[in-house]
Amino acid sequence: MNDDFEKEIENRRESVEAVLKSYLPEKGGYASAVIDAMNYSVNAGGKRLRPMLMLETYRLFGGSGRVVEPFMAAIELIHTYSFVHDDLPAMDNDEYRRGKKTTWAAYGEAEAVLAGDALLNYAFETALKAFACEGADEKRIVKALSLLAGKAGIYGMIGGQAADIDAERSGRQAEPEQLLYIHEHKTAALIQAAMGAGALLAGASDKELAVIEKAAGEIGVAFQIQDDILDVTGTFEELGKPIGSDERNSKATYVTLKGLDEATREQKELSNHAIGLLESLSADGYQNEFLTKLIKSLITRLK
């Protein structure tokens, strides 16, 4: 990435950060401990990729106004809850994320479980605030809510996490088809939710939504493959967490199943095909240069 694009990403990340923080709950009362753990988890940092993808897809289809903002906050709250639970000793048993103590390591396991539960519930409380936004289209909001709920649930992210756990507990190495299912659901589903909700809120047609969901699914799988690659090639300083955790946990990844070279090839192939799908929308007058550059940057990211 060139310096100008990196600055643009940072500027937009800061804008997303401001939206997110405007929706965080205020600490106080008898529930202050869990609210503190929630806010600690959200404020631990991150790329804010999902709300950024949502906003840029909203803009791709001509969306304007603030109705997308509650959904931007909601998608990041759901993503945050997922890794709060994912880091628990019963799951991946990770003590560090983004260079900071994970929520359970900082607050204890019980508080981390509650914080994750609270973040998921609060995400939908937040998304529902879109109905109060000026110019809100109720039908679009309902469709976006339905997509968000489905992609976060048992037929989406949670289903992928469940399949991941089952694969680990079986004692057998996951088959490539099983691993693809896990990546499509555990990681890609929430990226589909982000981009799909952005498209729906802007008024995209069913045909256009299908293109976005296909592209987002490929982006999500490619993103997870890159995570698999970085777990082998990255450093603690770059990633903010210990490397080699997949190998220590005997977890099947694209790298362990197919080798580093093949994993890298498939990651680039998926990313490039997804970009082609997005660029195909230009025939109907839909273009967002920043969105395309952002997705391209995922191919070569180092953290």
C-alpha atoms as a PDB file:
ATOM      1  CA  MET A   1       0.000   0.000   0.000  1.00  0.00           C
ATOM      2  CA  ASN A   2       1.196   3.530  -0.677  1.00  0.00           C
ATOM      3  CA  ASP A   3       1.389   6.123   2.086  1.00  0.00           C
ATOM      4  CA  ASP A   4      -1.607   8.116   0.817  1.00  0.00           C
ATOM      5  CA  PHE A   5      -3.878   5.068   0.872  1.00  0.00           C
ATOM      6  CA  GLU A   6      -2.650   4.063   4.325  1.00  0.00           C
ATOM      7  CA  LYS A   7      -3.494   7.568   5.566  1.00  0.00           C
ATOM      8  CA  GLU A   8      -6.930   7.321   3.947  1.00  0.00           C
ATOM      9  CA  ILE A   9      -7.577   3.999   5.665  1.00  0.00           C
ATOM     10  CA  GLU A  10      -6.514   5.480   8.985  1.00  0.00           C
ATOM     11  CA  ASN A  11      -8.756   8.533   8.488  1.00  0.00           C
ATOM     12  CA  ARG A  12     -11.731   6.322   7.737  1.00  0.00           C
ATOM     13  CA  ARG A  13     -10.906   3.993  10.605  1.00  0.00           C
ATOM     14  CA  GLU A  14     -10.940   6.999  12.931  1.00  0.00           C
ATOM     15  CA  SER A  15     -14.346   8.023  11.567  1.00  0.00           C
ATOM     16  CA  VAL A  16     -15.668   4.512  12.191  1.00  0.00           C
ATOM     17  CA  GLU A  17     -14.134   4.606  15.673  1.00  0.00           C
ATOM     18  CA  ALA A  18     -16.019   7.802  16.462  1.00  0.00           C
ATOM     19  CA  VAL A  19     -19.318   6.235  15.351  1.00  0.00           C
ATOM     20  CA  LEU A  20     -18.644   3.118  17.412  1.00  0.00           C
ATOM     21  CA  LYS A  21     -17.736   5.032  20.574  1.00  0.00           C
ATOM     22  CA  SER A  22     -20.876   7.154  20.285  1.00  0.00           C
ATOM     23  CA  TYR A  23     -22.953   3.997  20.783  1.00  0.00           C
ATOM     24  CA  LEU A  24     -21.002   2.371  23.637  1.00  0.00           C
ATOM     25  CA  PRO A  25     -22.892   2.032  26.946  1.00  0.00           C
ATOM     26  CA  GLU A  26     -22.074   4.348  29.815  1.00  0.00           C
ATOM     27  CA  LYS A  27     -20.596   2.747  32.896  1.00  0.00           C
ATOM     28  CA  GLY A  28     -22.669   2.935  36.064  1.00  0.00           C
ATOM     29  CA  GLY A  29     -24.935   1.096  38.455  1.00  0.00           C
ATOM     30  CA  TYR A  30     -24.726  -2.498  39.597  1.00  0.00           C
ATOM     31  CA  ALA A  31     -23.881  -3.702  36.090  1.00  0.00           C
ATOM     32  CA  SER A  32     -20.824  -1.438  35.838  1.00  0.00           C
ATOM     33  CA  ALA A  33     -18.346  -4.336  35.949  1.00  0.00           C
ATOM     34  CA  VAL A  34     -19.739  -6.058  32.869  1.00  0.00           C
ATOM     35  CA  ILE A  35     -20.079  -2.721  31.032  1.00  0.00           C
ATOM     36  CA  ASP A  36     -16.435  -2.003  31.839  1.00  0.00           C
ATOM     37  CA  ALA A  37     -15.449  -5.401  30.393  1.00  0.00           C
ATOM     38  CA  MET A  38     -17.590  -4.745  27.292  1.00  0.00           C
ATOM     39  CA  ASN A  39     -15.996  -1.382  26.644  1.00  0.00           C
ATOM     40  CA  TYR A  40     -12.506  -2.744  27.332  1.00  0.00           C
ATOM     41  CA  SER A  41     -13.098  -5.395  24.669  1.00  0.00           C
ATOM     42  CA  VAL A  42     -14.368  -2.924  22.066  1.00  0.00           C
ATOM     43  CA  ASN A  43     -11.699  -0.326  22.809  1.00  0.00           C
ATOM     44  CA  ALA A  44      -8.866  -2.851  22.476  1.00  0.00           C
ATOM     45  CA  GLY A  45      -8.481  -1.591  18.915  1.00  0.00           C
ATOM     46  CA  GLY A  46      -8.569  -3.305  15.561  1.00  0.00           C
ATOM     47  CA  LYS A  47      -8.900  -2.548  11.868  1.00  0.00           C
ATOM     48  CA  ARG A  48     -12.673  -1.930  12.105  1.00  0.00           C
ATOM     49  CA  LEU A  49     -12.826  -3.716   8.780  1.00  0.00           C
ATOM     50  CA  ARG A  50     -16.450  -4.863   8.978  1.00  0.00           C
ATOM     51  CA  PRO A  51     -18.071  -1.484   9.686  1.00  0.00           C
ATOM     52  CA  MET A  52     -15.761   0.078   7.088  1.00  0.00           C
ATOM     53  CA  LEU A  53     -16.842  -2.473   4.488  1.00  0.00           C
ATOM     54  CA  MET A  54     -20.475  -1.845   5.425  1.00  0.00           C
ATOM     55  CA  LEU A  55     -20.155   1.906   5.043  1.00  0.00           C
ATOM     56  CA  GLU A  56     -18.312   1.696   1.731  1.00  0.00           C
ATOM     57  CA  THR A  57     -20.837  -0.776   0.302  1.00  0.00           C
ATOM     58  CA  TYR A  58     -23.623   1.559   1.453  1.00  0.00           C
ATOM     59  CA  ARG A  59     -21.868   4.362  -0.437  1.00  0.00           C
ATOM     60  CA  LEU A  60     -21.304   2.094  -3.457  1.00  0.00           C
ATOM     61  CA  PHE A  61     -25.069   1.899  -3.970  1.00  0.00           C
ATOM     62  CA  GLY A  62     -25.584   5.598  -3.399  1.00  0.00           C
ATOM     63  CA  GLY A  63     -26.437   5.477   0.289  1.00  0.00           C
ATOM     64  CA  SER A  64     -26.234   8.701   2.274  1.00  0.00           C
ATOM     65  CA  GLY A  65     -27.365   9.765   5.707  1.00  0.00           C
ATOM     66  CA  ARG A  66     -26.784   8.212   9.119  1.00  0.00           C
ATOM     67  CA  VAL A  67     -29.107   5.197   9.040  1.00  0.00           C
ATOM     68  CA  VAL A  68     -26.096   2.943   8.415  1.00  0.00           C
ATOM     69  CA  GLU A  69     -24.290   4.088  11.570  1.00  0.00           C
ATOM     70  CA  PRO A  70     -26.192   1.986  14.153  1.00  0.00           C
ATOM     71  CA  PHE A  71     -25.541  -1.054  11.956  1.00  0.00           C
ATOM     72  CA  MET A  72     -21.846  -0.166  11.707  1.00  0.00           C
ATOM     73  CA  ALA A  73     -21.637  -0.176  15.493  1.00  0.00           C
ATOM     74  CA  ALA A  74     -23.699  -3.357  15.720  1.00  0.00           C
ATOM     75  CA  ILE A  75     -21.497  -5.380  13.361  1.00  0.00           C
ATOM     76  CA  GLU A  76     -18.373  -4.441  15.327  1.00  0.00           C
ATOM     77  CA  LEU A  77     -20.075  -5.306  18.630  1.00  0.00           C
ATOM     78  CA  ILE A  78     -20.967  -8.739  17.242  1.00  0.00           C
ATOM     79  CA  HIS A  79     -17.430  -9.239  15.954  1.00  0.00           C
ATOM     80  CA  THR A  80     -16.063  -8.212  19.357  1.00  0.00           C
ATOM     81  CA  TYR A  81     -18.319 -10.604  21.254  1.00  0.00           C
ATOM     82  CA  SER A  82     -17.215 -13.433  18.980  1.00  0.00           C
ATOM     83  CA  PHE A  83     -13.539 -13.070  19.820  1.00  0.00           C
ATOM     84  CA  VAL A  84     -14.209 -12.412  23.524  1.00  0.00           C
ATOM     85  CA  HIS A  85     -15.727 -15.905  23.630  1.00  0.00           C
ATOM     86  CA  ASP A  86     -13.241 -17.338  21.121  1.00  0.00           C
ATOM     87  CA  ASP A  87     -10.319 -16.381  23.389  1.00  0.00           C
ATOM     88  CA  LEU A  88     -11.740 -18.188  26.449  1.00  0.00           C
ATOM     89  CA  PRO A  89      -9.824 -21.140  27.937  1.00  0.00           C
ATOM     90  CA  ALA A  90     -12.642 -23.472  26.848  1.00  0.00           C
ATOM     91  CA  MET A  91     -12.126 -22.333  23.254  1.00  0.00           C
ATOM     92  CA  ASP A  92      -8.719 -21.090  21.985  1.00  0.00           C
ATOM     93  CA  ASN A  93      -7.249 -20.217  25.400  1.00  0.00           C
ATOM     94  CA  ASP A  94      -5.544 -17.042  24.154  1.00  0.00           C
ATOM     95  CA  GLU A  95      -4.256 -14.514  26.690  1.00  0.00           C
ATOM     96  CA  TYR A  96      -3.292 -11.772  24.230  1.00  0.00           C
ATOM     97  CA  ARG A  97      -5.027 -10.055  21.339  1.00  0.00           C
ATOM     98  CA  ARG A  98      -3.733  -6.945  19.571  1.00  0.00           C
ATOM     99  CA  GLY A  99      -0.935  -6.774  22.109  1.00  0.00           C
ATOM    100  CA  LYS A 100      -3.297  -6.508  25.091  1.00  0.00           C
ATOM    101  CA  LYS A 101      -4.667  -8.968  27.615  1.00  0.00           C
ATOM    102  CA  THR A 102      -7.776 -10.695  26.323  1.00  0.00           C
ATOM    103  CA  THR A 103     -11.003  -9.994  28.188  1.00  0.00           C
ATOM    104  CA  TRP A 104     -10.969 -13.204  30.231  1.00  0.00           C
ATOM    105  CA  ALA A 105      -7.301 -12.698  31.127  1.00  0.00           C
ATOM    106  CA  ALA A 106      -8.043  -9.151  32.295  1.00  0.00           C
ATOM    107  CA  TYR A 107     -11.436  -9.659  33.970  1.00  0.00           C
ATOM    108  CA  GLY A 108     -11.797 -13.381  34.616  1.00  0.00           C
ATOM    109  CA  GLU A 109     -13.670 -16.070  32.728  1.00  0.00           C
ATOM    110  CA  ALA A 110     -17.129 -15.445  34.198  1.00  0.00           C
ATOM    111  CA  GLU A 111     -17.026 -11.715  33.438  1.00  0.00           C
ATOM    112  CA  ALA A 112     -15.787 -12.439  29.895  1.00  0.00           C
ATOM    113  CA  VAL A 113     -18.707 -14.805  29.252  1.00  0.00           C
ATOM    114  CA  LEU A 114     -21.148 -12.159  30.473  1.00  0.00           C
ATOM    115  CA  ALA A 115     -19.400  -9.413  28.497  1.00  0.00           C
ATOM    116  CA  GLY A 116     -19.672 -11.469  25.305  1.00  0.00           C
ATOM    117  CA  ASP A 117     -23.352 -12.175  25.938  1.00  0.00           C
ATOM    118  CA  ALA A 118     -23.967  -8.497  26.682  1.00  0.00           C
ATOM    119  CA  LEU A 119     -22.161  -7.347  23.526  1.00  0.00           C
ATOM    120  CA  LEU A 120     -24.314  -9.600  21.336  1.00  0.00           C
ATOM    121  CA  ASN A 121     -27.560  -8.383  22.902  1.00  0.00           C
ATOM    122  CA  TYR A 122     -26.428  -4.769  22.872  1.00  0.00           C
ATOM    123  CA  ALA A 123     -25.543  -5.076  19.187  1.00  0.00           C
ATOM    124  CA  PHE A 124     -29.190  -5.610  18.287  1.00  0.00           C
ATOM    125  CA  GLU A 125     -30.343  -2.901  20.703  1.00  0.00           C
ATOM    126  CA  THR A 126     -27.983  -0.617  18.797  1.00  0.00           C
ATOM    127  CA  ALA A 127     -29.037  -1.701  15.296  1.00  0.00           C
ATOM    128  CA  LEU A 128     -32.683  -1.054  16.187  1.00  0.00           C
ATOM    129  CA  LYS A 129     -31.829   2.620  16.716  1.00  0.00           C
ATOM    130  CA  ALA A 130     -31.688   2.904  12.914  1.00  0.00           C
ATOM    131  CA  PHE A 131     -35.497   3.196  12.932  1.00  0.00           C
ATOM    132  CA  ALA A 132     -35.137   6.583  14.660  1.00  0.00           C
ATOM    133  CA  CYS A 133     -32.713   7.973  12.070  1.00  0.00           C
ATOM    134  CA  GLU A 134     -33.879  10.711   9.729  1.00  0.00           C
ATOM    135  CA  GLY A 135     -35.108   9.318   6.417  1.00  0.00           C
ATOM    136  CA  ALA A 136     -35.168   5.733   7.708  1.00  0.00           C
ATOM    137  CA  ASP A 137     -36.750   3.212   5.339  1.00  0.00           C
ATOM    138  CA  GLU A 138     -38.386   0.611   7.584  1.00  0.00           C
ATOM    139  CA  LYS A 139     -38.463  -2.180   4.980  1.00  0.00           C
ATOM    140  CA  ARG A 140     -34.760  -1.778   4.252  1.00  0.00           C
ATOM    141  CA  ILE A 141     -33.920  -1.781   7.961  1.00  0.00           C
ATOM    142  CA  VAL A 142     -35.942  -4.941   8.582  1.00  0.00           C
ATOM    143  CA  LYS A 143     -34.183  -6.717   5.700  1.00  0.00           C
ATOM    144  CA  ALA A 144     -30.786  -5.617   7.003  1.00  0.00           C
ATOM    145  CA  LEU A 145     -31.654  -6.761  10.535  1.00  0.00           C
ATOM    146  CA  SER A 146     -32.768 -10.156   9.234  1.00  0.00           C
ATOM    147  CA  LEU A 147     -29.524 -10.580   7.297  1.00  0.00           C
ATOM    148  CA  LEU A 148     -27.426  -9.520  10.285  1.00  0.00           C
ATOM    149  CA  ALA A 149     -29.193 -11.940  12.630  1.00  0.00           C
ATOM    150  CA  GLY A 150     -28.942 -14.854  10.218  1.00  0.00           C
ATOM    151  CA  LYS A 151     -25.267 -14.383   9.409  1.00  0.00           C
ATOM    152  CA  ALA A 152     -24.394 -14.097  13.115  1.00  0.00           C
ATOM    153  CA  GLY A 153     -26.376 -17.185  14.138  1.00  0.00           C
ATOM    154  CA  ILE A 154     -26.374 -20.963  13.835  1.00  0.00           C
ATOM    155  CA  TYR A 155     -26.485 -20.836  10.031  1.00  0.00           C
ATOM    156  CA  GLY A 156     -23.648 -18.333  10.002  1.00  0.00           C
ATOM    157  CA  MET A 157     -20.849 -17.413  12.396  1.00  0.00           C
ATOM    158  CA  ILE A 158     -21.943 -19.533  15.365  1.00  0.00           C
ATOM    159  CA  GLY A 159     -22.467 -22.515  13.062  1.00  0.00           C
ATOM    160  CA  GLY A 160     -18.922 -22.092  11.782  1.00  0.00           C
ATOM    161  CA  GLN A 161     -17.548 -21.895  15.311  1.00  0.00           C
ATOM    162  CA  ALA A 162     -19.465 -25.034  16.272  1.00  0.00           C
ATOM    163  CA  ALA A 163     -18.072 -26.906  13.261  1.00  0.00           C
ATOM    164  CA  ASP A 164     -14.585 -25.713  14.198  1.00  0.00           C
ATOM    165  CA  ILE A 165     -14.928 -27.081  17.730  1.00  0.00           C
ATOM    166  CA  ASP A 166     -16.344 -30.375  16.471  1.00  0.00           C
ATOM    167  CA  ALA A 167     -13.423 -30.762  14.079  1.00  0.00           C
ATOM    168  CA  GLU A 168     -10.929 -30.227  16.905  1.00  0.00           C
ATOM    169  CA  ARG A 169     -12.682 -32.617  19.280  1.00  0.00           C
ATOM    170  CA  SER A 170     -12.934 -35.390  16.703  1.00  0.00           C
ATOM    171  CA  GLY A 171      -9.181 -35.951  16.873  1.00  0.00           C
ATOM    172  CA  ARG A 172      -9.099 -36.238  13.079  1.00  0.00           C
ATOM    173  CA  GLN A 173      -7.698 -33.673  10.720  1.00  0.00           C
ATOM    174  CA  ALA A 174     -10.441 -31.679   9.041  1.00  0.00           C
ATOM    175  CA  GLU A 175     -11.135 -32.416   5.383  1.00  0.00           C
ATOM    176  CA  PRO A 176     -10.702 -29.504   2.917  1.00  0.00           C
ATOM    177  CA  GLU A 177     -14.495 -29.284   2.423  1.00  0.00           C
ATOM    178  CA  GLN A 178     -15.027 -29.131   6.183  1.00  0.00           C
ATOM    179  CA  LEU A 179     -12.394 -26.426   6.572  1.00  0.00           C
ATOM    180  CA  LEU A 180     -13.992 -24.398   3.772  1.00  0.00           C
ATOM    181  CA  TYR A 181     -17.356 -24.663   5.555  1.00  0.00           C
ATOM    182  CA  ILE A 182     -15.745 -23.387   8.757  1.00  0.00           C
ATOM    183  CA  HIS A 183     -14.122 -20.423   6.997  1.00  0.00           C
ATOM    184  CA  GLU A 184     -17.293 -19.610   5.028  1.00  0.00           C
ATOM    185  CA  HIS A 185     -19.345 -19.484   8.208  1.00  0.00           C
ATOM    186  CA  LYS A 186     -17.021 -18.549  11.063  1.00  0.00           C
ATOM    187  CA  THR A 187     -15.350 -15.651   9.203  1.00  0.00           C
ATOM    188  CA  ALA A 188     -17.000 -14.938   5.863  1.00  0.00           C
ATOM    189  CA  ALA A 189     -20.595 -14.824   7.137  1.00  0.00           C
ATOM    190  CA  LEU A 190     -19.990 -11.674   9.167  1.00  0.00           C
ATOM    191  CA  ILE A 191     -18.303  -9.964   6.211  1.00  0.00           C
ATOM    192  CA  GLN A 192     -21.349 -10.927   4.129  1.00  0.00           C
ATOM    193  CA  ALA A 193     -23.519  -9.398   6.854  1.00  0.00           C
ATOM    194  CA  ALA A 194     -21.492  -6.192   6.788  1.00  0.00           C
ATOM    195  CA  MET A 195     -21.508  -5.690   3.038  1.00  0.00           C
ATOM    196  CA  GLY A 196     -25.002  -7.106   2.545  1.00  0.00           C
ATOM    197  CA  ALA A 197     -26.531  -4.845   5.194  1.00  0.00           C
ATOM    198  CA  GLY A 198     -24.792  -1.835   3.668  1.00  0.00           C
ATOM    199  CA  ALA A 199     -26.220  -2.735   0.260  1.00  0.00           C
ATOM    200  CA  LEU A 200     -29.725  -3.332   1.616  1.00  0.00           C
ATOM    201  CA  LEU A 201     -29.806  -0.077   3.579  1.00  0.00           C
ATOM    202  CA  ALA A 202     -28.892   1.790   0.387  1.00  0.00           C
ATOM    203  CA  GLY A 203     -31.676   0.077  -1.583  1.00  0.00           C
ATOM    204  CA  ALA A 204     -29.746  -2.523  -3.616  1.00  0.00           C
ATOM    205  CA  SER A 205     -31.857  -4.965  -5.620  1.00  0.00           C
ATOM    206  CA  ASP A 206     -31.970  -8.710  -4.972  1.00  0.00           C
ATOM    207  CA  LYS A 207     -29.701  -9.279  -7.981  1.00  0.00           C
ATOM    208  CA  GLU A 208     -27.181  -6.729  -6.731  1.00  0.00           C
ATOM    209  CA  LEU A 209     -27.329  -8.179  -3.221  1.00  0.00           C
ATOM    210  CA  ALA A 210     -26.504 -11.633  -4.628  1.00  0.00           C
ATOM    211  CA  VAL A 211     -23.355 -10.231  -6.267  1.00  0.00           C
ATOM    212  CA  ILE A 212     -22.329  -8.532  -3.038  1.00  0.00           C
ATOM    213  CA  GLU A 213     -22.908 -11.658  -0.940  1.00  0.00           C
ATOM    214  CA  LYS A 214     -20.880 -13.795  -3.357  1.00  0.00           C
ATOM    215  CA  ALA A 215     -18.012 -11.302  -3.388  1.00  0.00           C
ATOM    216  CA  ALA A 216     -18.132 -10.852   0.382  1.00  0.00           C
ATOM    217  CA  GLY A 217     -18.080 -14.628   0.909  1.00  0.00           C
ATOM    218  CA  GLU A 218     -14.925 -14.917  -1.172  1.00  0.00           C
ATOM    219  CA  ILE A 219     -13.365 -11.947   0.593  1.00  0.00           C
ATOM    220  CA  GLY A 220     -14.112 -13.558   3.959  1.00  0.00           C
ATOM    221  CA  VAL A 221     -12.543 -16.904   3.058  1.00  0.00           C
ATOM    222  CA  ALA A 222      -9.499 -15.146   1.589  1.00  0.00           C
ATOM    223  CA  PHE A 223      -9.225 -13.048   4.739  1.00  0.00           C
ATOM    224  CA  GLN A 224      -9.220 -16.178   6.917  1.00  0.00           C
ATOM    225  CA  ILE A 225      -6.668 -17.930   4.715  1.00  0.00           C
ATOM    226  CA  GLN A 226      -4.418 -14.896   5.174  1.00  0.00           C
ATOM    227  CA  ASP A 227      -4.879 -15.268   8.943  1.00  0.00           C
ATOM    228  CA  ASP A 228      -3.757 -18.893   8.585  1.00  0.00           C
ATOM    229  CA  ILE A 229      -0.723 -17.754   6.612  1.00  0.00           C
ATOM    230  CA  LEU A 230       0.191 -15.025   9.104  1.00  0.00           C
ATOM    231  CA  ASP A 231      -0.026 -17.491  11.991  1.00  0.00           C
ATOM    232  CA  VAL A 232       2.973 -19.173  10.337  1.00  0.00           C
ATOM    233  CA  THR A 233       4.855 -16.217   8.842  1.00  0.00           C
ATOM    234  CA  GLY A 234       3.989 -13.321  11.169  1.00  0.00           C
ATOM    235  CA  THR A 235       5.567 -12.085  14.398  1.00  0.00           C
ATOM    236  CA  PHE A 236       4.157 -11.139  17.804  1.00  0.00           C
ATOM    237  CA  GLU A 237       5.110  -7.508  17.119  1.00  0.00           C
ATOM    238  CA  GLU A 238       3.140  -7.476  13.852  1.00  0.00           C
ATOM    239  CA  LEU A 239       0.097  -9.411  15.044  1.00  0.00           C
ATOM    240  CA  GLY A 240      -0.104  -8.412  18.706  1.00  0.00           C
ATOM    241  CA  LYS A 241      -0.607 -12.053  19.732  1.00  0.00           C
ATOM    242  CA  PRO A 242       1.542 -15.194  19.909  1.00  0.00           C
ATOM    243  CA  ILE A 243       2.200 -16.839  16.551  1.00  0.00           C
ATOM    244  CA  GLY A 244       1.931 -20.555  15.923  1.00  0.00           C
ATOM    245  CA  SER A 245      -1.212 -20.934  18.058  1.00  0.00           C
ATOM    246  CA  ASP A 246      -2.918 -22.991  15.326  1.00  0.00           C
ATOM    247  CA  GLU A 247      -0.104 -25.539  15.360  1.00  0.00           C
ATOM    248  CA  ARG A 248      -0.014 -25.668  19.161  1.00  0.00           C
ATOM    249  CA  ASN A 249      -3.759 -26.292  19.236  1.00  0.00           C
ATOM    250  CA  SER A 250      -3.459 -28.924  16.448  1.00  0.00           C
ATOM    251  CA  LYS A 251      -5.925 -26.866  14.418  1.00  0.00           C
ATOM    252  CA  ALA A 252      -6.315 -27.632  10.721  1.00  0.00           C
ATOM    253  CA  THR A 253      -5.734 -24.610   8.484  1.00  0.00           C
ATOM    254  CA  TYR A 254      -5.263 -24.020   4.776  1.00  0.00           C
ATOM    255  CA  VAL A 255      -1.522 -23.972   5.433  1.00  0.00           C
ATOM    256  CA  THR A 256      -1.459 -27.320   7.283  1.00  0.00           C
ATOM    257  CA  LEU A 257      -3.720 -28.987   4.712  1.00  0.00           C
ATOM    258  CA  LYS A 258      -2.355 -27.519   1.495  1.00  0.00           C
ATOM    259  CA  GLY A 259       0.996 -25.968   2.280  1.00  0.00           C
ATOM    260  CA  LEU A 260       2.021 -22.308   2.299  1.00  0.00           C
ATOM    261  CA  ASP A 261       2.387 -21.894  -1.481  1.00  0.00           C
ATOM    262  CA  GLU A 262      -1.016 -23.380  -2.352  1.00  0.00           C
ATOM    263  CA  ALA A 263      -2.729 -21.463   0.462  1.00  0.00           C
ATOM    264  CA  THR A 264      -1.206 -18.236  -0.829  1.00  0.00           C
ATOM    265  CA  ARG A 265      -2.304 -19.007  -4.394  1.00  0.00           C
ATOM    266  CA  GLU A 266      -5.902 -19.744  -3.374  1.00  0.00           C
ATOM    267  CA  GLN A 267      -6.033 -16.634  -1.204  1.00  0.00           C
ATOM    268  CA  LYS A 268      -5.021 -14.414  -4.114  1.00  0.00           C
ATOM    269  CA  GLU A 269      -7.366 -16.202  -6.531  1.00  0.00           C
ATOM    270  CA  LEU A 270     -10.381 -15.700  -4.255  1.00  0.00           C
ATOM    271  CA  SER A 271      -9.500 -12.066  -3.606  1.00  0.00           C
ATOM    272  CA  ASN A 272      -9.075 -11.275  -7.295  1.00  0.00           C
ATOM    273  CA  HIS A 273     -12.349 -12.987  -8.237  1.00  0.00           C
ATOM    274  CA  ALA A 274     -14.185 -11.016  -5.549  1.00  0.00           C
ATOM    275  CA  ILE A 275     -12.724  -7.784  -6.895  1.00  0.00           C
ATOM    276  CA  GLY A 276     -13.894  -8.786 -10.384  1.00  0.00           C
ATOM    277  CA  LEU A 277     -17.436  -9.265  -9.084  1.00  0.00           C
ATOM    278  CA  LEU A 278     -17.452  -5.816  -7.513  1.00  0.00           C
ATOM    279  CA  GLU A 279     -16.039  -4.239 -10.653  1.00  0.00           C
ATOM    280  CA  SER A 280     -18.796  -5.903 -12.697  1.00  0.00           C
ATOM    281  CA  LEU A 281     -21.268  -3.608 -10.913  1.00  0.00           C
ATOM    282  CA  SER A 282     -19.676  -0.630 -12.673  1.00  0.00           C
ATOM    283  CA  ALA A 283     -21.708  -1.558 -15.775  1.00  0.00           C
ATOM    284  CA  ASP A 284     -24.757  -0.417 -13.813  1.00  0.00           C
ATOM    285  CA  GLY A 285     -23.005   2.743 -12.663  1.00  0.00           C
ATOM    286  CA  TYR A 286     -21.865   1.531  -9.240  1.00  0.00           C
ATOM    287  CA  GLN A 287     -18.258   2.354  -8.404  1.00  0.00           C
ATOM    288  CA  ASN A 288     -16.309   2.869  -5.186  1.00  0.00           C
ATOM    289  CA  GLU A 289     -12.567   3.075  -5.786  1.00  0.00           C
ATOM    290  CA  PHE A 290     -11.720   3.070  -2.097  1.00  0.00           C
ATOM    291  CA  LEU A 291     -13.712  -0.119  -1.494  1.00  0.00           C
ATOM    292  CA  THR A 292     -11.829  -1.892  -4.288  1.00  0.00           C
ATOM    293  CA  LYS A 293      -8.460  -0.713  -2.962  1.00  0.00           C
ATOM    294  CA  LEU A 294      -9.407  -1.752   0.559  1.00  0.00           C
ATOM    295  CA  ILE A 295     -10.194  -5.304  -0.549  1.00  0.00           C
ATOM    296  CA  LYS A 296      -6.998  -5.481  -2.594  1.00  0.00           C
ATOM    297  CA  SER A 297      -5.026  -4.467   0.497  1.00  0.00           C
ATOM    298  CA  LEU A 298      -6.321  -7.534   2.335  1.00  0.00           C
ATOM    299  CA  ILE A 299      -4.328  -9.752  -0.037  1.00  0.00           C
ATOM    300  CA  THR A 300      -0.978  -8.471   1.191  1.00  0.00           C
ATOM    301  CA  ARG A 301      -1.713  -7.359   4.754  1.00  0.00           C
ATOM    302  CA  LEU A 302       0.853  -8.340   7.390  1.00  0.00           C
ATOM    303  CA  LYS A 303      -1.377  -8.072  10.468  1.00  0.00           C
END
